[in-house]
Amino acid sequence: MKRIDFEYYNPVRVYLFLNKDIELSVKIGMAKTFLLISENVLSLHPDILNKLSENTIIYRTQGSNPDICDIDAIDIPQDCSQVVGIGGGSVLDTAKACFAKLLTGGRYSLNELIHDSRISEDHRTKRFHMNLILIPTTFGTSSELTKWGTIWDWKGYKKYSINHELLYADMALIIPGLSHTVPRDVTASTALDVMSHALESIWNKKNNYITRIYAIEAIKIVLEILPKLIKDLNSREYRLKQAKASILAGWAFSQTQTASAHALSYPLTLFHNIPHGYACGLSLGAMFKYNHSKNAVVLDEVLAIFREKYGDLKSTFEECFQRFLADCKIPSRLRSFGVKETDISQLVANAFSPERFNNMIYTLSKDEVKNIYEIIL
């Protein structure tokens, strides 16, 4: 039997618009639509919903990281044939969850859909008659390009993923202009999420030739533009480049998923409410050395990119990464977010998310996880 070197599949049709004043009605069409949009996005871009069909039912979301019970309580009209999500990663993930419920006739809870993928599989033929359109506004999560969505259980202090091939969007509408109003902290956090996706797809057991090309290009772009974007949030050029980096990193980790840096991030968000991009990005420098021991050839290329910008031939990746964070004026220590040394044991106990933790080429021990948290404390 011939050995397969790698497989690549991403069915999302991507449109990149340089003008934010596009008419969404042209892309959304006349189908009866359930549209989820961030209240914040709507207040900043009040014209975005102009000329939509009267068949559009609008649901306004508030805040980030919605709870599984809140998503389950959303009343989704079952005669809709299309779901549209406009907003940051949380809105897009919520749109995917709503689409999964619509696809399965509203007969199942999110908990059932998360834990039994066969339910969605049984509705594959129905999928061809439905559309999912995702429109990001923050350019970090790349949710518009992946088949999974993050779901939080704040009462149980757990993070879940709803995951199925049928949850790939039909279209991703990339409009960099929508991010011009995104504040500094969100801009920095989402860009760090892009860096996390790129690096974690490289030191991933499922990495391949194509994903590495996308990931390395995404890393180069973020290193180039983030320090400049932080100082000039209104720059059309830098916003466009961040959107492109998010696309590239999304194409990379849509094949590999994320790995241990994301696993270590979940308790930081659950117990300390640290924004996702910061939570998964701060450990990247400390985690590099473990993966370098497993694949020096590929990671030497990454190290050279960081050294060129933030070091010299003797600089470690951790040193370069810390200089990058400092250049972007991004907090590099967990203490900045209120984490204390006494919290580390709880973080370690909740960091071993099997769905992410086992993806990394180096398998961390509990002592090594503890050491990483201590390094970045």
Protein backbone atom coordinates (compact mmCIF):
# COMPACT_ATOMS: atom_id res chain seq x y z
CA MET A 1 0.00 0.00 0.00
CA LYS A 2 1.32 3.43 -0.93
CA ARG A 3 2.13 5.59 2.07
CA ILE A 4 0.27 8.91 2.27
CA ASP A 5 2.68 11.70 3.22
CA PHE A 6 -0.06 14.15 4.17
CA GLU A 7 -3.66 15.15 3.55
CA TYR A 8 -4.98 18.69 3.20
CA TYR A 9 -8.66 19.62 3.12
CA ASN A 10 -10.28 23.00 3.69
CA PRO A 11 -13.50 23.64 1.75
CA VAL A 12 -14.10 27.24 2.90
CA ARG A 13 -14.45 29.72 0.05
CA VAL A 14 -12.52 32.83 1.14
CA TYR A 15 -13.28 36.34 -0.08
CA LEU A 16 -10.97 39.24 0.84
CA PHE A 17 -12.51 42.72 0.54
CA LEU A 18 -10.37 45.85 0.75
CA ASN A 19 -13.47 48.06 1.04
CA LYS A 20 -15.51 47.57 4.20
CA ASP A 21 -18.56 49.19 2.62
CA ILE A 22 -19.65 46.06 0.78
CA GLU A 23 -23.31 45.12 0.63
CA LEU A 24 -23.64 41.93 2.63
CA SER A 25 -27.03 41.35 1.07
CA VAL A 26 -25.29 40.47 -2.19
CA LYS A 27 -23.41 37.59 -0.53
CA ILE A 28 -26.10 36.57 1.93
CA GLY A 29 -28.86 36.48 -0.65
CA MET A 30 -32.59 35.98 -0.05
CA ALA A 31 -32.56 32.74 1.94
CA LYS A 32 -34.20 32.86 5.37
CA THR A 33 -31.22 33.67 7.57
CA PHE A 34 -30.40 33.54 11.26
CA LEU A 35 -27.75 36.23 11.71
CA LEU A 36 -25.67 36.57 14.86
CA ILE A 37 -23.78 39.81 15.32
CA SER A 38 -21.82 41.31 18.18
CA GLU A 39 -23.63 44.25 19.78
CA ASN A 40 -20.29 46.03 19.88
CA VAL A 41 -19.69 45.53 16.14
CA LEU A 42 -23.20 46.75 15.38
CA SER A 43 -22.67 49.93 17.40
CA LEU A 44 -19.37 50.64 15.65
CA HIS A 45 -20.59 49.73 12.17
CA PRO A 46 -24.32 50.59 12.18
CA ASP A 47 -24.57 50.43 8.39
CA ILE A 48 -23.34 46.85 8.14
CA LEU A 49 -26.85 45.41 8.08
CA ASN A 50 -28.21 47.78 5.44
CA LYS A 51 -30.35 46.28 2.66
CA LEU A 52 -30.60 42.81 4.18
CA SER A 53 -33.54 40.69 3.16
CA GLU A 54 -36.65 40.82 5.36
CA ASN A 55 -36.06 37.07 5.71
CA THR A 56 -33.13 37.88 8.04
CA ILE A 57 -33.62 37.27 11.75
CA ILE A 58 -31.02 39.18 13.78
CA TYR A 59 -29.65 37.97 17.12
CA ARG A 60 -27.35 40.37 18.99
CA THR A 61 -24.62 38.86 21.17
CA GLN A 62 -22.85 40.51 24.09
CA GLY A 63 -19.42 39.88 25.57
CA SER A 64 -16.99 37.08 24.80
CA ASN A 65 -16.70 33.41 25.71
CA PRO A 66 -20.45 32.70 26.13
CA ASP A 67 -21.54 29.86 28.39
CA ILE A 68 -22.86 26.60 26.96
CA CYS A 69 -26.21 27.13 28.70
CA ASP A 70 -26.61 30.59 27.19
CA ILE A 71 -25.94 29.27 23.69
CA ASP A 72 -28.35 26.38 24.26
CA ALA A 73 -31.05 28.89 25.21
CA ILE A 74 -30.84 30.78 21.89
CA ASP A 75 -34.11 30.42 19.99
CA ILE A 76 -33.10 29.36 16.48
CA PRO A 77 -35.96 29.40 13.95
CA GLN A 78 -35.95 25.92 12.46
CA ASP A 79 -37.23 27.09 9.07
CA CYS A 80 -33.99 29.00 8.41
CA SER A 81 -31.62 27.54 5.84
CA GLN A 82 -28.66 29.79 6.57
CA VAL A 83 -26.64 31.01 9.55
CA VAL A 84 -24.41 34.10 9.37
CA GLY A 85 -21.98 35.16 12.10
CA ILE A 86 -20.38 38.62 12.28
CA GLY A 87 -17.93 39.41 15.07
CA GLY A 88 -14.94 38.09 16.96
CA GLY A 89 -14.10 34.46 17.54
CA SER A 90 -16.74 33.97 20.22
CA VAL A 91 -19.51 35.13 17.87
CA LEU A 92 -18.27 32.89 15.07
CA ASP A 93 -18.02 29.89 17.40
CA THR A 94 -21.54 30.60 18.65
CA ALA A 95 -22.74 30.77 15.04
CA LYS A 96 -21.22 27.32 14.42
CA ALA A 97 -22.96 25.94 17.49
CA CYS A 98 -26.27 27.40 16.34
CA PHE A 99 -25.69 25.98 12.86
CA ALA A 100 -25.08 22.53 14.35
CA LYS A 101 -28.38 22.78 16.23
CA LEU A 102 -30.20 23.98 13.12
CA LEU A 103 -28.65 21.19 11.05
CA THR A 104 -29.85 18.58 13.51
CA GLY A 105 -33.37 19.95 13.75
CA GLY A 106 -33.02 21.52 17.19
CA ARG A 107 -33.58 18.15 18.82
CA TYR A 108 -30.25 17.91 20.63
CA SER A 109 -28.46 19.88 23.31
CA LEU A 110 -25.00 21.29 22.69
CA ASN A 111 -23.64 18.83 25.21
CA GLU A 112 -24.97 15.96 23.09
CA LEU A 113 -23.62 17.44 19.86
CA ILE A 114 -20.20 18.02 21.44
CA HIS A 115 -19.83 14.50 22.78
CA ASP A 116 -21.41 12.49 19.95
CA SER A 117 -20.24 13.42 16.46
CA ARG A 118 -22.47 10.72 14.97
CA ILE A 119 -25.48 12.98 15.50
CA SER A 120 -24.20 15.55 13.02
CA GLU A 121 -22.99 12.83 10.67
CA ASP A 122 -26.54 11.49 10.38
CA HIS A 123 -27.57 14.86 8.88
CA ARG A 124 -24.89 15.05 6.18
CA THR A 125 -27.34 15.04 3.26
CA LYS A 126 -29.25 17.96 4.77
CA ARG A 127 -26.02 19.99 4.90
CA PHE A 128 -26.01 20.45 1.12
CA HIS A 129 -29.18 22.54 1.37
CA MET A 130 -27.85 24.89 4.06
CA ASN A 131 -25.25 27.65 4.28
CA LEU A 132 -22.89 28.91 6.97
CA ILE A 133 -21.28 32.29 6.35
CA LEU A 134 -18.72 33.70 8.80
CA ILE A 135 -17.42 37.27 8.86
CA PRO A 136 -14.60 37.92 11.37
CA THR A 137 -13.91 41.36 12.80
CA THR A 138 -10.85 40.78 15.01
CA PHE A 139 -8.56 38.52 12.92
CA GLY A 140 -6.99 36.19 15.41
CA THR A 141 -9.05 33.08 16.06
CA SER A 142 -9.43 32.09 12.36
CA SER A 143 -12.68 30.40 13.40
CA GLU A 144 -14.05 31.20 9.95
CA LEU A 145 -11.57 28.69 8.48
CA THR A 146 -11.87 25.77 10.88
CA LYS A 147 -14.40 23.03 11.57
CA TRP A 148 -14.60 23.47 15.35
CA GLY A 149 -15.88 26.02 17.80
CA THR A 150 -14.91 26.71 21.39
CA ILE A 151 -17.68 26.30 23.96
CA TRP A 152 -17.20 27.29 27.62
CA ASP A 153 -18.85 25.80 30.69
CA TRP A 154 -18.28 28.48 33.31
CA LYS A 155 -20.13 26.67 36.07
CA GLY A 156 -18.17 23.46 35.59
CA TYR A 157 -14.89 25.27 34.77
CA LYS A 158 -14.51 23.33 31.53
CA LYS A 159 -13.74 24.16 27.93
CA TYR A 160 -15.25 22.11 25.10
CA SER A 161 -15.01 22.03 21.32
CA ILE A 162 -17.86 21.31 18.98
CA ASN A 163 -16.09 19.64 16.09
CA HIS A 164 -17.33 18.25 12.80
CA GLU A 165 -16.44 18.50 9.12
CA LEU A 166 -19.97 19.79 8.41
CA LEU A 167 -19.16 22.91 10.47
CA TYR A 168 -16.70 24.27 7.93
CA ALA A 169 -18.20 27.53 6.66
CA ASP A 170 -19.36 27.74 3.08
CA MET A 171 -17.93 31.25 2.86
CA ALA A 172 -15.58 33.39 4.91
CA LEU A 173 -15.88 37.10 4.12
CA ILE A 174 -12.64 38.81 5.17
CA ILE A 175 -13.13 42.58 5.54
CA PRO A 176 -10.03 44.08 7.24
CA GLY A 177 -11.75 47.46 7.56
CA LEU A 178 -14.07 46.01 10.20
CA SER A 179 -11.08 45.69 12.55
CA HIS A 180 -10.09 49.38 12.38
CA THR A 181 -12.17 50.08 15.50
CA VAL A 182 -10.77 47.15 17.51
CA PRO A 183 -9.02 48.47 20.65
CA ARG A 184 -5.35 47.99 21.44
CA ASP A 185 -5.63 45.09 23.90
CA VAL A 186 -7.90 43.07 21.63
CA THR A 187 -5.63 43.80 18.67
CA ALA A 188 -2.58 42.57 20.59
CA SER A 189 -4.32 39.53 22.06
CA THR A 190 -5.74 38.36 18.73
CA ALA A 191 -2.39 38.83 16.96
CA LEU A 192 -0.74 36.74 19.67
CA ASP A 193 -3.39 34.10 18.99
CA VAL A 194 -2.28 34.11 15.34
CA MET A 195 1.31 33.55 16.48
CA SER A 196 0.14 30.70 18.72
CA HIS A 197 -1.76 29.00 15.90
CA ALA A 198 1.24 29.28 13.59
CA LEU A 199 3.84 27.98 16.05
CA GLU A 200 1.62 25.22 17.39
CA SER A 201 0.86 23.97 13.91
CA ILE A 202 4.63 23.73 13.27
CA TRP A 203 5.47 21.74 16.41
CA ASN A 204 2.41 19.56 15.89
CA LYS A 205 2.37 15.81 15.22
CA LYS A 206 0.08 16.49 12.23
CA ASN A 207 2.19 19.21 10.62
CA ASN A 208 3.07 18.85 6.96
CA TYR A 209 4.82 20.66 4.12
CA ILE A 210 1.82 22.85 3.28
CA THR A 211 0.94 23.81 6.87
CA ARG A 212 4.56 24.77 7.56
CA ILE A 213 4.63 27.14 4.58
CA TYR A 214 1.47 28.90 5.75
CA ALA A 215 2.59 29.02 9.39
CA ILE A 216 6.06 30.43 8.73
CA GLU A 217 4.66 33.17 6.51
CA ALA A 218 2.11 34.07 9.22
CA ILE A 219 4.92 34.30 11.80
CA LYS A 220 6.93 36.62 9.56
CA ILE A 221 3.95 38.94 9.07
CA VAL A 222 3.07 39.17 12.78
CA LEU A 223 6.71 39.88 13.72
CA GLU A 224 6.82 42.61 11.10
CA ILE A 225 3.57 44.43 11.73
CA LEU A 226 2.37 43.95 15.31
CA PRO A 227 4.82 46.39 16.98
CA LYS A 228 3.86 48.96 14.32
CA LEU A 229 0.12 48.25 14.50
CA ILE A 230 0.08 48.70 18.28
CA LYS A 231 1.40 52.24 17.70
CA ASP A 232 -0.90 52.97 14.75
CA LEU A 233 -4.22 51.22 15.24
CA ASN A 234 -5.79 53.10 12.33
CA SER A 235 -3.31 51.79 9.76
CA ARG A 236 -5.15 50.17 6.85
CA GLU A 237 -1.90 48.52 5.72
CA TYR A 238 -1.18 46.82 9.05
CA ARG A 239 -4.82 45.78 9.59
CA LEU A 240 -4.80 44.16 6.16
CA LYS A 241 -1.57 42.33 6.93
CA GLN A 242 -2.92 41.05 10.25
CA ALA A 243 -5.98 39.74 8.41
CA LYS A 244 -3.70 37.95 5.94
CA ALA A 245 -1.61 36.48 8.76
CA SER A 246 -4.78 35.21 10.42
CA ILE A 247 -5.86 33.54 7.18
CA LEU A 248 -2.49 31.84 6.73
CA ALA A 249 -2.33 30.62 10.33
CA GLY A 250 -5.94 29.47 10.03
CA TRP A 251 -5.14 27.43 6.94
CA ALA A 252 -2.24 25.88 8.86
CA PHE A 253 -3.92 24.89 12.12
CA SER A 254 -7.21 23.97 10.44
CA GLN A 255 -5.31 20.79 9.52
CA THR A 256 -3.33 20.20 12.69
CA GLN A 257 -5.41 21.73 15.50
CA THR A 258 -3.61 23.49 18.31
CA ALA A 259 -1.45 21.83 20.96
CA SER A 260 -0.14 22.23 24.49
CA ALA A 261 0.09 26.03 24.58
CA HIS A 262 -3.66 26.13 24.09
CA ALA A 263 -4.13 23.35 26.64
CA LEU A 264 -2.19 25.41 29.20
CA SER A 265 -4.26 28.47 28.30
CA TYR A 266 -7.68 27.07 29.16
CA PRO A 267 -7.32 27.15 32.98
CA LEU A 268 -5.82 30.63 32.69
CA THR A 269 -9.02 31.81 31.02
CA LEU A 270 -11.39 29.71 33.13
CA PHE A 271 -9.94 30.58 36.54
CA HIS A 272 -8.34 33.99 35.92
CA ASN A 273 -10.32 35.38 32.97
CA ILE A 274 -7.14 36.04 30.95
CA PRO A 275 -8.04 36.87 27.32
CA HIS A 276 -7.51 33.88 25.06
CA GLY A 277 -4.68 35.27 22.90
CA TYR A 278 -2.60 36.28 25.92
CA ALA A 279 -3.39 33.03 27.73
CA CYS A 280 -2.12 30.80 24.93
CA GLY A 281 0.66 33.11 23.73
CA LEU A 282 2.66 33.76 26.89
CA SER A 283 3.93 30.17 27.17
CA LEU A 284 5.24 29.93 23.60
CA GLY A 285 8.76 31.09 24.44
CA ALA A 286 9.19 28.62 27.28
CA MET A 287 7.68 25.79 25.25
CA PHE A 288 9.98 26.18 22.24
CA LYS A 289 13.00 24.41 23.75
CA TYR A 290 11.06 21.20 24.40
CA ASN A 291 9.89 20.97 20.79
CA HIS A 292 13.27 22.01 19.40
CA SER A 293 14.71 18.83 20.95
CA LYS A 294 12.30 16.81 18.78
CA ASN A 295 12.55 18.67 15.47
CA ALA A 296 15.54 20.99 15.32
CA VAL A 297 15.59 21.13 11.51
CA VAL A 298 12.21 22.84 11.14
CA LEU A 299 12.37 24.91 14.32
CA ASP A 300 15.85 26.21 13.50
CA GLU A 301 14.18 28.05 10.61
CA VAL A 302 11.72 29.61 13.04
CA LEU A 303 14.53 30.49 15.46
CA ALA A 304 16.46 32.19 12.64
CA ILE A 305 13.42 34.36 11.82
CA PHE A 306 13.17 35.52 15.44
CA ARG A 307 16.92 36.02 15.78
CA GLU A 308 17.02 38.22 12.69
CA LYS A 309 14.43 40.54 14.19
CA TYR A 310 15.04 40.30 17.93
CA GLY A 311 18.44 38.80 18.65
CA ASP A 312 21.73 37.49 17.33
CA LEU A 313 23.25 34.12 16.50
CA LYS A 314 23.55 33.23 20.18
CA SER A 315 20.08 34.32 21.29
CA THR A 316 17.65 31.70 22.54
CA PHE A 317 14.10 31.64 21.26
CA GLU A 318 12.83 32.58 24.73
CA GLU A 319 15.03 35.69 24.74
CA CYS A 320 13.86 36.73 21.27
CA PHE A 321 10.22 36.07 22.12
CA GLN A 322 10.42 38.19 25.29
CA ARG A 323 11.92 41.06 23.27
CA PHE A 324 9.08 40.73 20.76
CA LEU A 325 6.48 40.95 23.55
CA ALA A 326 8.28 43.96 25.03
CA ASP A 327 8.41 45.67 21.63
CA CYS A 328 4.64 45.17 21.34
CA LYS A 329 4.17 46.33 24.95
CA ILE A 330 2.40 43.05 25.71
CA PRO A 331 2.50 41.81 29.33
CA SER A 332 4.83 38.82 29.45
CA ARG A 333 4.10 37.54 32.95
CA LEU A 334 1.05 35.94 34.48
CA ARG A 335 1.44 38.20 37.52
CA SER A 336 0.26 41.07 35.32
CA PHE A 337 -3.11 39.29 35.16
CA GLY A 338 -3.33 38.59 38.89
CA VAL A 339 -2.01 35.01 38.91
CA LYS A 340 -0.10 34.07 42.08
CA GLU A 341 2.40 31.34 42.86
CA THR A 342 -0.23 29.60 44.97
CA ASP A 343 -2.43 29.28 41.85
CA ILE A 344 0.04 27.13 39.92
CA SER A 345 -1.02 23.77 41.36
CA GLN A 346 -4.61 24.42 40.24
CA LEU A 347 -3.42 25.46 36.78
CA VAL A 348 -1.32 22.31 36.40
CA ALA A 349 -4.19 20.08 37.52
CA ASN A 350 -6.45 21.54 34.81
CA ALA A 351 -3.96 21.91 31.95
CA PHE A 352 -4.06 18.39 30.56
CA SER A 353 -6.73 18.79 27.90
CA PRO A 354 -6.40 15.52 25.91
CA GLU A 355 -7.84 16.99 22.72
CA ARG A 356 -4.97 19.50 22.51
CA PHE A 357 -2.25 18.29 24.86
CA ASN A 358 -1.36 15.17 22.90
CA ASN A 359 -0.97 17.01 19.58
CA MET A 360 2.48 18.41 20.34
CA ILE A 361 5.57 16.55 19.13
CA TYR A 362 7.01 16.75 22.65
CA THR A 363 4.82 15.31 25.40
CA LEU A 364 5.12 17.46 28.50
CA SER A 365 5.18 15.92 31.96
CA LYS A 366 3.39 17.49 34.92
CA ASP A 367 6.71 18.76 36.25
CA GLU A 368 7.47 20.40 32.90
CA VAL A 369 4.03 22.02 32.78
CA LYS A 370 4.62 23.34 36.30
CA ASN A 371 8.01 24.65 35.20
CA ILE A 372 6.48 26.50 32.23
CA TYR A 373 3.88 28.20 34.43
CA GLU A 374 6.64 29.16 36.89
CA ILE A 375 8.84 30.59 34.13
CA ILE A 376 6.06 32.86 32.86
CA LEU A 377 4.72 33.76 36.32
